[in-house]
Structure formats: C-alpha cells, structure tokens
Amino acid sequence: MKTVEQALVYGGTAGQAYDPCYHQLCDDITNLSSTALDQMSDAIAHATLLFAMTGSSVNGTDKASNTAKAKMLYKGSHLYR
C-alpha cells in the first residue's frame, strides 16, 4: 500500500496498492510499462557488458577492487575509450 509520501512522489492514491492488477485477472501483458521495460533492459545490457569486459571474477585481477583505475567513460548510453 502507498503511503502519503509515496503518493506525493510517485503519483496515485495513498492507501491503495501500487498495482491493483498484481496477481489478478487484469495482470497480463497489456499491463506492462514500456518505459520501465526499456530502462531495465538498458541496465541489464550495461551490467552484462561491464561484466563481460573484465576477467577479474575469473582470474583474480584487481579490476574489481577499489584500487582499480576506471578505463571506460560513459556519456549517456555511449561508451568512450
């Protein structure tokens, strides 16, 4: 249920469920947020690319440590080297 503060920030009505269709008959493919789906798929693609470009989890390099230097620069969705 949304609180008053959450309703002010995210919209909707305080005291009502975030998604009234959650696990109901109206909870189907037509009830998707294309904006949220787009944003989350971009985040997954970014995480996959970042993980794919480092071997630290496999060979124990310092890329995953807090002493590693960032070698990639992102501007929006674009990667610059």
PDB file of N, CA and C in Angstrom:
ATOM      1  N   MET A   1       0.831  -1.186   0.000  1.00  0.00           N
ATOM      2  CA  MET A   1       0.000   0.000   0.000  1.00  0.00           C
ATOM      3  C   MET A   1       0.878   1.253   0.000  1.00  0.00           C
ATOM      4  N   LYS A   2       0.439   2.256  -0.743  1.00  0.00           N
ATOM      5  CA  LYS A   2       1.192   3.507  -0.812  1.00  0.00           C
ATOM      6  C   LYS A   2       0.946   4.343   0.430  1.00  0.00           C
ATOM      7  N   THR A   3       2.028   4.961   0.895  1.00  0.00           N
ATOM      8  CA  THR A   3       1.903   5.933   1.974  1.00  0.00           C
ATOM      9  C   THR A   3       1.598   7.295   1.349  1.00  0.00           C
ATOM     10  N   VAL A   4       1.297   8.267   2.176  1.00  0.00           N
ATOM     11  CA  VAL A   4       1.033   9.619   1.682  1.00  0.00           C
ATOM     12  C   VAL A   4       2.268  10.175   0.972  1.00  0.00           C
ATOM     13  N   GLU A   5       3.439   9.957   1.558  1.00  0.00           N
ATOM     14  CA  GLU A   5       4.687  10.456   0.973  1.00  0.00           C
ATOM     15  C   GLU A   5       4.944   9.810  -0.391  1.00  0.00           C
ATOM     16  N   GLN A   6       4.720   8.492  -0.493  1.00  0.00           N
ATOM     17  CA  GLN A   6       4.941   7.800  -1.756  1.00  0.00           C
ATOM     18  C   GLN A   6       3.961   8.275  -2.825  1.00  0.00           C
ATOM     19  N   ALA A   7       2.730   8.520  -2.440  1.00  0.00           N
ATOM     20  CA  ALA A   7       1.740   9.014  -3.403  1.00  0.00           C
ATOM     21  C   ALA A   7       2.129  10.395  -3.920  1.00  0.00           C
ATOM     22  N   LEU A   8       2.718  11.230  -3.064  1.00  0.00           N
ATOM     23  CA  LEU A   8       3.167  12.552  -3.499  1.00  0.00           C
ATOM     24  C   LEU A   8       4.316  12.446  -4.499  1.00  0.00           C
ATOM     25  N   VAL A   9       5.232  11.503  -4.249  1.00  0.00           N
ATOM     26  CA  VAL A   9       6.399  11.360  -5.117  1.00  0.00           C
ATOM     27  C   VAL A   9       6.058  10.624  -6.414  1.00  0.00           C
ATOM     28  N   TYR A  10       5.351   9.501  -6.311  1.00  0.00           N
ATOM     29  CA  TYR A  10       5.137   8.630  -7.462  1.00  0.00           C
ATOM     30  C   TYR A  10       3.759   8.755  -8.092  1.00  0.00           C
ATOM     31  N   GLY A  11       2.878   9.497  -7.485  1.00  0.00           N
ATOM     32  CA  GLY A  11       1.522   9.603  -8.004  1.00  0.00           C
ATOM     33  C   GLY A  11       0.634   8.514  -7.428  1.00  0.00           C
ATOM     34  N   GLY A  12      -0.611   8.543  -7.809  1.00  0.00           N
ATOM     35  CA  GLY A  12      -1.547   7.555  -7.285  1.00  0.00           C
ATOM     36  C   GLY A  12      -2.214   8.053  -6.012  1.00  0.00           C
ATOM     37  N   THR A  13      -2.817   7.129  -5.292  1.00  0.00           N
ATOM     38  CA  THR A  13      -3.589   7.471  -4.101  1.00  0.00           C
ATOM     39  C   THR A  13      -3.035   6.744  -2.892  1.00  0.00           C
ATOM     40  N   ALA A  14      -2.840   7.469  -1.803  1.00  0.00           N
ATOM     41  CA  ALA A  14      -2.370   6.863  -0.560  1.00  0.00           C
ATOM     42  C   ALA A  14      -3.401   5.851  -0.070  1.00  0.00           C
ATOM     43  N   GLY A  15      -2.909   4.748   0.473  1.00  0.00           N
ATOM     44  CA  GLY A  15      -3.783   3.712   0.992  1.00  0.00           C
ATOM     45  C   GLY A  15      -4.220   2.700  -0.050  1.00  0.00           C
ATOM     46  N   GLN A  16      -3.839   2.906  -1.314  1.00  0.00           N
ATOM     47  CA  GLN A  16      -4.164   1.948  -2.364  1.00  0.00           C
ATOM     48  C   GLN A  16      -2.903   1.209  -2.797  1.00  0.00           C
ATOM     49  N   ALA A  17      -3.098   0.076  -3.403  1.00  0.00           N
ATOM     50  CA  ALA A  17      -1.969  -0.739  -3.848  1.00  0.00           C
ATOM     51  C   ALA A  17      -1.213  -0.041  -4.977  1.00  0.00           C
ATOM     52  N   TYR A  18       0.093  -0.321  -5.068  1.00  0.00           N
ATOM     53  CA  TYR A  18       0.893   0.217  -6.172  1.00  0.00           C
ATOM     54  C   TYR A  18       0.319  -0.236  -7.505  1.00  0.00           C
ATOM     55  N   ASP A  19       0.018  -1.503  -7.621  1.00  0.00           N
ATOM     56  CA  ASP A  19      -0.542  -2.061  -8.854  1.00  0.00           C
ATOM     57  C   ASP A  19      -1.778  -2.872  -8.484  1.00  0.00           C
ATOM     58  N   PRO A  20      -2.954  -2.321  -8.685  1.00  0.00           N
ATOM     59  CA  PRO A  20      -4.177  -3.038  -8.307  1.00  0.00           C
ATOM     60  C   PRO A  20      -4.393  -4.315  -9.115  1.00  0.00           C
ATOM     61  N   CYS A  21      -3.676  -4.506 -10.224  1.00  0.00           N
ATOM     62  CA  CYS A  21      -3.811  -5.718 -11.033  1.00  0.00           C
ATOM     63  C   CYS A  21      -2.849  -6.826 -10.615  1.00  0.00           C
ATOM     64  N   TYR A  22      -1.961  -6.568  -9.662  1.00  0.00           N
ATOM     65  CA  TYR A  22      -0.943  -7.542  -9.268  1.00  0.00           C
ATOM     66  C   TYR A  22      -1.589  -8.863  -8.863  1.00  0.00           C
ATOM     67  N   HIS A  23      -1.261  -9.920  -9.611  1.00  0.00           N
ATOM     68  CA  HIS A  23      -1.782 -11.279  -9.401  1.00  0.00           C
ATOM     69  C   HIS A  23      -3.298 -11.353  -9.496  1.00  0.00           C
ATOM     70  N   GLN A  24      -3.881 -10.493 -10.295  1.00  0.00           N
ATOM     71  CA  GLN A  24      -5.318 -10.518 -10.544  1.00  0.00           C
ATOM     72  C   GLN A  24      -5.541 -10.885 -12.013  1.00  0.00           C
ATOM     73  N   LEU A  25      -6.800 -11.018 -12.412  1.00  0.00           N
ATOM     74  CA  LEU A  25      -7.104 -11.362 -13.798  1.00  0.00           C
ATOM     75  C   LEU A  25      -6.615 -10.302 -14.776  1.00  0.00           C
ATOM     76  N   CYS A  26      -6.576  -9.042 -14.352  1.00  0.00           N
ATOM     77  CA  CYS A  26      -6.127  -7.970 -15.255  1.00  0.00           C
ATOM     78  C   CYS A  26      -4.606  -7.881 -15.347  1.00  0.00           C
ATOM     79  N   ASP A  27      -3.866  -8.740 -14.625  1.00  0.00           N
ATOM     80  CA  ASP A  27      -2.408  -8.745 -14.644  1.00  0.00           C
ATOM     81  C   ASP A  27      -1.931  -9.584 -15.825  1.00  0.00           C
ATOM     82  N   ASP A  28      -1.819  -8.937 -16.996  1.00  0.00           N
ATOM     83  CA  ASP A  28      -1.392  -9.631 -18.204  1.00  0.00           C
ATOM     84  C   ASP A  28      -0.413  -8.756 -18.989  1.00  0.00           C
ATOM     85  N   ILE A  29      -0.088  -9.172 -20.177  1.00  0.00           N
ATOM     86  CA  ILE A  29       0.929  -8.485 -20.990  1.00  0.00           C
ATOM     87  C   ILE A  29       0.531  -7.060 -21.352  1.00  0.00           C
ATOM     88  N   THR A  30      -0.749  -6.749 -21.335  1.00  0.00           N
ATOM     89  CA  THR A  30      -1.183  -5.390 -21.659  1.00  0.00           C
ATOM     90  C   THR A  30      -0.985  -4.433 -20.494  1.00  0.00           C
ATOM     91  N   ASN A  31      -0.599  -4.944 -19.339  1.00  0.00           N
ATOM     92  CA  ASN A  31      -0.426  -4.143 -18.128  1.00  0.00           C
ATOM     93  C   ASN A  31       1.048  -3.804 -17.875  1.00  0.00           C
ATOM     94  N   LEU A  32       1.888  -3.856 -18.912  1.00  0.00           N
ATOM     95  CA  LEU A  32       3.318  -3.578 -18.757  1.00  0.00           C
ATOM     96  C   LEU A  32       3.612  -2.098 -18.945  1.00  0.00           C
ATOM     97  N   SER A  33       4.665  -1.637 -18.293  1.00  0.00           N
ATOM     98  CA  SER A  33       5.163  -0.283 -18.508  1.00  0.00           C
ATOM     99  C   SER A  33       6.302  -0.370 -19.512  1.00  0.00           C
ATOM    100  N   SER A  34       6.093   0.136 -20.713  1.00  0.00           N
ATOM    101  CA  SER A  34       7.147   0.077 -21.723  1.00  0.00           C
ATOM    102  C   SER A  34       8.343   0.944 -21.328  1.00  0.00           C
ATOM    103  N   THR A  35       8.114   2.014 -20.589  1.00  0.00           N
ATOM    104  CA  THR A  35       9.220   2.855 -20.109  1.00  0.00           C
ATOM    105  C   THR A  35      10.086   2.081 -19.127  1.00  0.00           C
ATOM    106  N   ALA A  36       9.467   1.432 -18.151  1.00  0.00           N
ATOM    107  CA  ALA A  36      10.224   0.648 -17.170  1.00  0.00           C
ATOM    108  C   ALA A  36      10.940  -0.517 -17.841  1.00  0.00           C
ATOM    109  N   LEU A  37      10.284  -1.176 -18.784  1.00  0.00           N
ATOM    110  CA  LEU A  37      10.901  -2.286 -19.506  1.00  0.00           C
ATOM    111  C   LEU A  37      12.123  -1.812 -20.281  1.00  0.00           C
ATOM    112  N   ASP A  38      12.030  -0.652 -20.928  1.00  0.00           N
ATOM    113  CA  ASP A  38      13.156  -0.087 -21.669  1.00  0.00           C
ATOM    114  C   ASP A  38      14.318   0.259 -20.741  1.00  0.00           C
ATOM    115  N   GLN A  39      14.020   0.896 -19.620  1.00  0.00           N
ATOM    116  CA  GLN A  39      15.069   1.294 -18.678  1.00  0.00           C
ATOM    117  C   GLN A  39      15.753   0.083 -18.047  1.00  0.00           C
ATOM    118  N   MET A  40      14.977  -0.925 -17.668  1.00  0.00           N
ATOM    119  CA  MET A  40      15.559  -2.104 -17.032  1.00  0.00           C
ATOM    120  C   MET A  40      16.359  -2.941 -18.026  1.00  0.00           C
ATOM    121  N   SER A  41      15.918  -3.019 -19.284  1.00  0.00           N
ATOM    122  CA  SER A  41      16.698  -3.762 -20.277  1.00  0.00           C
ATOM    123  C   SER A  41      18.018  -3.053 -20.571  1.00  0.00           C
ATOM    124  N   ASP A  42      18.026  -1.709 -20.565  1.00  0.00           N
ATOM    125  CA  ASP A  42      19.279  -0.964 -20.718  1.00  0.00           C
ATOM    126  C   ASP A  42      20.223  -1.239 -19.547  1.00  0.00           C
ATOM    127  N   ALA A  43      19.679  -1.301 -18.335  1.00  0.00           N
ATOM    128  CA  ALA A  43      20.503  -1.572 -17.149  1.00  0.00           C
ATOM    129  C   ALA A  43      21.093  -2.980 -17.209  1.00  0.00           C
ATOM    130  N   ILE A  44      20.311  -3.935 -17.655  1.00  0.00           N
ATOM    131  CA  ILE A  44      20.796  -5.315 -17.772  1.00  0.00           C
ATOM    132  C   ILE A  44      21.887  -5.399 -18.835  1.00  0.00           C
ATOM    133  N   ALA A  45      21.691  -4.727 -19.963  1.00  0.00           N
ATOM    134  CA  ALA A  45      22.697  -4.725 -21.022  1.00  0.00           C
ATOM    135  C   ALA A  45      23.996  -4.089 -20.528  1.00  0.00           C
ATOM    136  N   HIS A  46      23.896  -3.004 -19.785  1.00  0.00           N
ATOM    137  CA  HIS A  46      25.085  -2.343 -19.236  1.00  0.00           C
ATOM    138  C   HIS A  46      25.831  -3.263 -18.277  1.00  0.00           C
ATOM    139  N   ALA A  47      25.104  -3.908 -17.365  1.00  0.00           N
ATOM    140  CA  ALA A  47      25.735  -4.805 -16.399  1.00  0.00           C
ATOM    141  C   ALA A  47      26.394  -5.985 -17.110  1.00  0.00           C
ATOM    142  N   THR A  48      25.742  -6.515 -18.136  1.00  0.00           N
ATOM    143  CA  THR A  48      26.299  -7.636 -18.892  1.00  0.00           C
ATOM    144  C   THR A  48      27.577  -7.222 -19.607  1.00  0.00           C
ATOM    145  N   LEU A  49      27.565  -6.054 -20.252  1.00  0.00           N
ATOM    146  CA  LEU A  49      28.754  -5.556 -20.938  1.00  0.00           C
ATOM    147  C   LEU A  49      29.895  -5.325 -19.958  1.00  0.00           C
ATOM    148  N   LEU A  50      29.597  -4.707 -18.830  1.00  0.00           N
ATOM    149  CA  LEU A  50      30.627  -4.433 -17.838  1.00  0.00           C
ATOM    150  C   LEU A  50      31.243  -5.716 -17.312  1.00  0.00           C
ATOM    151  N   PHE A  51      30.422  -6.717 -17.027  1.00  0.00           N
ATOM    152  CA  PHE A  51      30.924  -7.990 -16.542  1.00  0.00           C
ATOM    153  C   PHE A  51      31.726  -8.703 -17.629  1.00  0.00           C
ATOM    154  N   ALA A  52      31.271  -8.613 -18.873  1.00  0.00           N
ATOM    155  CA  ALA A  52      31.956  -9.290 -19.972  1.00  0.00           C
ATOM    156  C   ALA A  52      33.330  -8.683 -20.247  1.00  0.00           C
ATOM    157  N   MET A  53      33.517  -7.412 -19.935  1.00  0.00           N
ATOM    158  CA  MET A  53      34.771  -6.733 -20.246  1.00  0.00           C
ATOM    159  C   MET A  53      35.811  -6.849 -19.142  1.00  0.00           C
ATOM    160  N   THR A  54      35.524  -7.569 -18.086  1.00  0.00           N
ATOM    161  CA  THR A  54      36.505  -7.771 -17.025  1.00  0.00           C
ATOM    162  C   THR A  54      36.685  -9.258 -16.773  1.00  0.00           C
ATOM    163  N   GLY A  55      37.888  -9.638 -16.514  1.00  0.00           N
ATOM    164  CA  GLY A  55      38.170 -11.036 -16.186  1.00  0.00           C
ATOM    165  C   GLY A  55      38.443 -11.209 -14.715  1.00  0.00           C
ATOM    166  N   SER A  56      38.175 -10.185 -13.915  1.00  0.00           N
ATOM    167  CA  SER A  56      38.546 -10.227 -12.507  1.00  0.00           C
ATOM    168  C   SER A  56      37.857 -11.341 -11.740  1.00  0.00           C
ATOM    169  N   SER A  57      36.639 -11.685 -12.105  1.00  0.00           N
ATOM    170  CA  SER A  57      35.966 -12.743 -11.369  1.00  0.00           C
ATOM    171  C   SER A  57      36.537 -14.108 -11.720  1.00  0.00           C
ATOM    172  N   VAL A  58      37.251 -14.200 -12.836  1.00  0.00           N
ATOM    173  CA  VAL A  58      37.793 -15.480 -13.266  1.00  0.00           C
ATOM    174  C   VAL A  58      39.270 -15.609 -12.912  1.00  0.00           C
ATOM    175  N   ASN A  59      40.046 -14.552 -13.164  1.00  0.00           N
ATOM    176  CA  ASN A  59      41.490 -14.678 -12.984  1.00  0.00           C
ATOM    177  C   ASN A  59      42.045 -13.880 -11.805  1.00  0.00           C
ATOM    178  N   GLY A  60      41.218 -13.241 -11.017  1.00  0.00           N
ATOM    179  CA  GLY A  60      41.669 -12.603  -9.789  1.00  0.00           C
ATOM    180  C   GLY A  60      42.442 -11.314  -9.963  1.00  0.00           C
ATOM    181  N   THR A  61      42.253 -10.586 -11.037  1.00  0.00           N
ATOM    182  CA  THR A  61      42.940  -9.311 -11.211  1.00  0.00           C
ATOM    183  C   THR A  61      42.343  -8.263 -10.278  1.00  0.00           C
ATOM    184  N   ASP A  62      42.932  -7.081 -10.251  1.00  0.00           N
ATOM    185  CA  ASP A  62      42.454  -6.036  -9.345  1.00  0.00           C
ATOM    186  C   ASP A  62      41.365  -5.165  -9.961  1.00  0.00           C
ATOM    187  N   LYS A  63      40.802  -5.531 -11.105  1.00  0.00           N
ATOM    188  CA  LYS A  63      39.783  -4.701 -11.737  1.00  0.00           C
ATOM    189  C   LYS A  63      38.554  -4.518 -10.862  1.00  0.00           C
ATOM    190  N   ALA A  64      38.266  -5.483 -10.038  1.00  0.00           N
ATOM    191  CA  ALA A  64      37.078  -5.388  -9.191  1.00  0.00           C
ATOM    192  C   ALA A  64      37.387  -4.770  -7.828  1.00  0.00           C
ATOM    193  N   SER A  65      38.634  -4.423  -7.567  1.00  0.00           N
ATOM    194  CA  SER A  65      38.972  -3.851  -6.267  1.00  0.00           C
ATOM    195  C   SER A  65      38.799  -2.337  -6.289  1.00  0.00           C
ATOM    196  N   ASN A  66      38.821  -1.723  -5.118  1.00  0.00           N
ATOM    197  CA  ASN A  66      38.676  -0.271  -5.045  1.00  0.00           C
ATOM    198  C   ASN A  66      39.967   0.456  -5.409  1.00  0.00           C
ATOM    199  N   THR A  67      41.028  -0.259  -5.743  1.00  0.00           N
ATOM    200  CA  THR A  67      42.273   0.380  -6.183  1.00  0.00           C
ATOM    201  C   THR A  67      42.379   0.406  -7.705  1.00  0.00           C
ATOM    202  N   ALA A  68      41.443  -0.221  -8.396  1.00  0.00           N
ATOM    203  CA  ALA A  68      41.489  -0.264  -9.861  1.00  0.00           C
ATOM    204  C   ALA A  68      41.178   1.111 -10.441  1.00  0.00           C
ATOM    205  N   LYS A  69      41.750   1.396 -11.577  1.00  0.00           N
ATOM    206  CA  LYS A  69      41.500   2.648 -12.284  1.00  0.00           C
ATOM    207  C   LYS A  69      40.458   2.415 -13.366  1.00  0.00           C
ATOM    208  N   ALA A  70      39.507   3.298 -13.457  1.00  0.00           N
ATOM    209  CA  ALA A  70      38.465   3.175 -14.491  1.00  0.00           C
ATOM    210  C   ALA A  70      39.076   3.475 -15.849  1.00  0.00           C
ATOM    211  N   LYS A  71      38.852   2.605 -16.806  1.00  0.00           N
ATOM    212  CA  LYS A  71      39.383   2.786 -18.150  1.00  0.00           C
ATOM    213  C   LYS A  71      38.275   3.045 -19.153  1.00  0.00           C
ATOM    214  N   MET A  72      37.037   3.105 -18.679  1.00  0.00           N
ATOM    215  CA  MET A  72      35.912   3.332 -19.571  1.00  0.00           C
ATOM    216  C   MET A  72      35.193   4.610 -19.148  1.00  0.00           C
ATOM    217  N   LEU A  73      34.712   5.346 -20.116  1.00  0.00           N
ATOM    218  CA  LEU A  73      33.977   6.570 -19.856  1.00  0.00           C
ATOM    219  C   LEU A  73      32.633   6.475 -20.558  1.00  0.00           C
ATOM    220  N   TYR A  74      31.581   6.627 -19.805  1.00  0.00           N
ATOM    221  CA  TYR A  74      30.239   6.583 -20.370  1.00  0.00           C
ATOM    222  C   TYR A  74      29.663   7.992 -20.414  1.00  0.00           C
ATOM    223  N   LYS A  75      29.046   8.336 -21.513  1.00  0.00           N
ATOM    224  CA  LYS A  75      28.277   9.573 -21.634  1.00  0.00           C
ATOM    225  C   LYS A  75      26.913   9.163 -22.130  1.00  0.00           C
ATOM    226  N   GLY A  76      25.949   9.115 -21.207  1.00  0.00           N
ATOM    227  CA  GLY A  76      24.634   8.600 -21.543  1.00  0.00           C
ATOM    228  C   GLY A  76      24.757   7.125 -21.825  1.00  0.00           C
ATOM    229  N   SER A  77      24.284   6.702 -22.973  1.00  0.00           N
ATOM    230  CA  SER A  77      24.362   5.289 -23.323  1.00  0.00           C
ATOM    231  C   SER A  77      25.574   4.963 -24.195  1.00  0.00           C
ATOM    232  N   HIS A  78      26.491   5.929 -24.367  1.00  0.00           N
ATOM    233  CA  HIS A  78      27.637   5.734 -25.238  1.00  0.00           C
ATOM    234  C   HIS A  78      28.906   5.483 -24.424  1.00  0.00           C
ATOM    235  N   LEU A  79      29.684   4.500 -24.849  1.00  0.00           N
ATOM    236  CA  LEU A  79      30.928   4.167 -24.196  1.00  0.00           C
ATOM    237  C   LEU A  79      32.084   4.772 -25.007  1.00  0.00           C
ATOM    238  N   TYR A  80      32.946   5.533 -24.331  1.00  0.00           N
ATOM    239  CA  TYR A  80      34.126   6.099 -24.948  1.00  0.00           C
ATOM    240  C   TYR A  80      35.345   5.488 -24.297  1.00  0.00           C
ATOM    241  N   ARG A  81      36.364   5.180 -25.065  1.00  0.00           N
ATOM    242  CA  ARG A  81      37.602   4.620 -24.502  1.00  0.00           C
ATOM    243  C   ARG A  81      38.718   5.604 -24.653  1.00  0.00           C
TER     244      ARG A  81
END
